[in-house]
C-alpha atoms as a PDB file:
ATOM      1  CA  MET A   1      24.286  82.906 178.032  1.00  0.00           C
ATOM      2  CA  ASN A   2      20.568  83.646 178.430  1.00  0.00           C
ATOM      3  CA  SER A   3      20.474  85.820 175.301  1.00  0.00           C
ATOM      4  CA  LEU A   4      22.255  83.113 173.292  1.00  0.00           C
ATOM      5  CA  LEU A   5      19.816  80.478 174.545  1.00  0.00           C
ATOM      6  CA  LYS A   6      16.787  82.673 173.762  1.00  0.00           C
ATOM      7  CA  LYS A   7      18.129  83.420 170.277  1.00  0.00           C
ATOM      8  CA  TYR A   8      18.644  79.719 169.571  1.00  0.00           C
ATOM      9  CA  ALA A   9      15.304  78.656 171.101  1.00  0.00           C
ATOM     10  CA  ASN A  10      13.317  81.257 169.193  1.00  0.00           C
ATOM     11  CA  GLN A  11      14.528  79.762 165.911  1.00  0.00           C
ATOM     12  CA  ALA A  12      12.146  76.852 166.519  1.00  0.00           C
ATOM     13  CA  LYS A  13       9.329  76.620 164.000  1.00  0.00           C
ATOM     14  CA  LYS A  14       6.382  75.804 166.281  1.00  0.00           C
ATOM     15  CA  ALA A  15       7.304  75.212 169.916  1.00  0.00           C
ATOM     16  CA  ILE A  16      10.108  74.971 172.428  1.00  0.00           C
ATOM     17  CA  VAL A  17      10.339  72.049 174.871  1.00  0.00           C
ATOM     18  CA  ILE A  18      12.169  72.910 178.093  1.00  0.00           C
ATOM     19  CA  TRP A  19      12.979  71.300 181.434  1.00  0.00           C
ATOM     20  CA  GLY A  20      10.389  73.136 183.526  1.00  0.00           C
ATOM     21  CA  ASP A  21      12.114  72.260 186.805  1.00  0.00           C
ATOM     22  CA  ASP A  22      15.154  74.353 185.837  1.00  0.00           C
ATOM     23  CA  PRO A  23      15.146  77.552 187.913  1.00  0.00           C
ATOM     24  CA  HIS A  24      16.140  79.746 184.937  1.00  0.00           C
ATOM     25  CA  LEU A  25      14.666  78.324 181.710  1.00  0.00           C
ATOM     26  CA  PRO A  26      10.954  78.950 182.405  1.00  0.00           C
ATOM     27  CA  HIS A  27      11.589  82.645 183.100  1.00  0.00           C
ATOM     28  CA  LEU A  28      13.209  83.539 179.779  1.00  0.00           C
ATOM     29  CA  ASN A  29      11.062  85.440 177.299  1.00  0.00           C
ATOM     30  CA  TYR A  30      10.355  83.133 174.366  1.00  0.00           C
ATOM     31  CA  THR A  31       8.563  84.130 171.168  1.00  0.00           C
ATOM     32  CA  LYS A  32       7.327  80.576 170.489  1.00  0.00           C
ATOM     33  CA  ARG A  33       4.957  78.284 172.366  1.00  0.00           C
ATOM     34  CA  VAL A  34       6.718  76.693 175.366  1.00  0.00           C
ATOM     35  CA  VAL A  35       6.050  73.136 176.558  1.00  0.00           C
ATOM     36  CA  LYS A  36       7.515  72.443 180.012  1.00  0.00           C
ATOM     37  CA  PHE A  37       8.270  68.949 181.319  1.00  0.00           C
ATOM     38  CA  GLY A  38       9.532  67.754 184.688  1.00  0.00           C
ATOM     39  CA  VAL A  39       8.515  66.380 188.062  1.00  0.00           C
ATOM     40  CA  LYS A  40       7.335  69.576 189.760  1.00  0.00           C
ATOM     41  CA  ASP A  41       3.836  71.054 189.683  1.00  0.00           C
ATOM     42  CA  GLY A  42       3.183  73.606 186.955  1.00  0.00           C
ATOM     43  CA  ASN A  43       4.738  71.625 184.097  1.00  0.00           C
ATOM     44  CA  ASP A  44       2.687  70.792 180.994  1.00  0.00           C
ATOM     45  CA  VAL A  45       4.056  67.232 181.020  1.00  0.00           C
ATOM     46  CA  GLN A  46       4.768  65.908 184.491  1.00  0.00           C
ATOM     47  CA  ALA A  47       6.148  62.669 185.933  1.00  0.00           C
ATOM     48  CA  LYS A  48       4.414  61.686 189.180  1.00  0.00           C
ATOM     49  CA  ASN A  49       4.679  58.694 191.492  1.00  0.00           C
ATOM     50  CA  VAL A  50       8.284  58.125 190.436  1.00  0.00           C
ATOM     51  CA  ILE A  51       9.793  54.887 191.738  1.00  0.00           C
ATOM     52  CA  ASN A  52      13.432  54.176 190.935  1.00  0.00           C
ATOM     53  CA  ASN A  53      14.823  51.135 192.722  1.00  0.00           C
ATOM     54  CA  GLU A  54      16.542  47.793 192.146  1.00  0.00           C
ATOM     55  CA  LYS A  55      13.451  46.522 190.278  1.00  0.00           C
ATOM     56  CA  GLY A  56      13.597  49.318 187.706  1.00  0.00           C
ATOM     57  CA  LEU A  57      11.909  52.640 187.046  1.00  0.00           C
ATOM     58  CA  SER A  58       8.233  53.536 186.885  1.00  0.00           C
ATOM     59  CA  PHE A  59       6.204  56.734 186.863  1.00  0.00           C
ATOM     60  CA  ASP A  60       2.877  58.141 185.757  1.00  0.00           C
ATOM     61  CA  VAL A  61       2.901  60.670 182.897  1.00  0.00           C
ATOM     62  CA  TYR A  62       0.437  63.547 183.204  1.00  0.00           C
ATOM     63  CA  ILE A  63      -0.280  65.956 180.369  1.00  0.00           C
ATOM     64  CA  SER A  64      -2.126  69.122 181.391  1.00  0.00           C
ATOM     65  CA  MET A  65      -2.863  67.499 184.780  1.00  0.00           C
ATOM     66  CA  VAL A  66      -4.599  64.462 183.188  1.00  0.00           C
ATOM     67  CA  ILE A  67      -2.994  61.025 183.441  1.00  0.00           C
ATOM     68  CA  PHE A  68      -1.781  59.959 180.020  1.00  0.00           C
ATOM     69  CA  TRP A  69       0.393  56.874 180.510  1.00  0.00           C
ATOM     70  CA  THR A  70       2.262  54.790 183.079  1.00  0.00           C
ATOM     71  CA  PHE A  71       5.881  54.043 182.239  1.00  0.00           C
ATOM     72  CA  HIS A  72       7.566  50.853 183.513  1.00  0.00           C
ATOM     73  CA  SER A  73      11.076  49.649 182.795  1.00  0.00           C
ATOM     74  CA  THR A  74      13.003  46.758 184.282  1.00  0.00           C
ATOM     75  CA  ILE A  75      16.246  48.361 183.164  1.00  0.00           C
ATOM     76  CA  LEU A  76      18.044  49.996 186.063  1.00  0.00           C
ATOM     77  CA  TRP A  77      18.094  53.757 185.549  1.00  0.00           C
ATOM     78  CA  TYR A  78      20.147  56.333 187.357  1.00  0.00           C
ATOM     79  CA  ALA A  79      17.454  58.965 186.968  1.00  0.00           C
ATOM     80  CA  TYR A  80      16.776  62.214 188.725  1.00  0.00           C
ATOM     81  CA  THR A  81      14.044  61.546 191.260  1.00  0.00           C
ATOM     82  CA  LEU A  82      12.662  63.507 194.169  1.00  0.00           C
END
């Protein structure tokens, strides 16, 4: 499976965007630039201060450890949160 995923991912023209919180994806050897997103430290794009409750979902978006945007939604989300 890993070799199939690497083969497919390396067909990208410029970059590969992966879920950086996955325990396996960040450790594959890619030939293209990799952009990691997730909620854990070490991701290029990171969601912090995640609040998911009956009022909706909100979180701060950090890009390269600099706050970029704050997301708010009144729609109830069943999202992965820590």
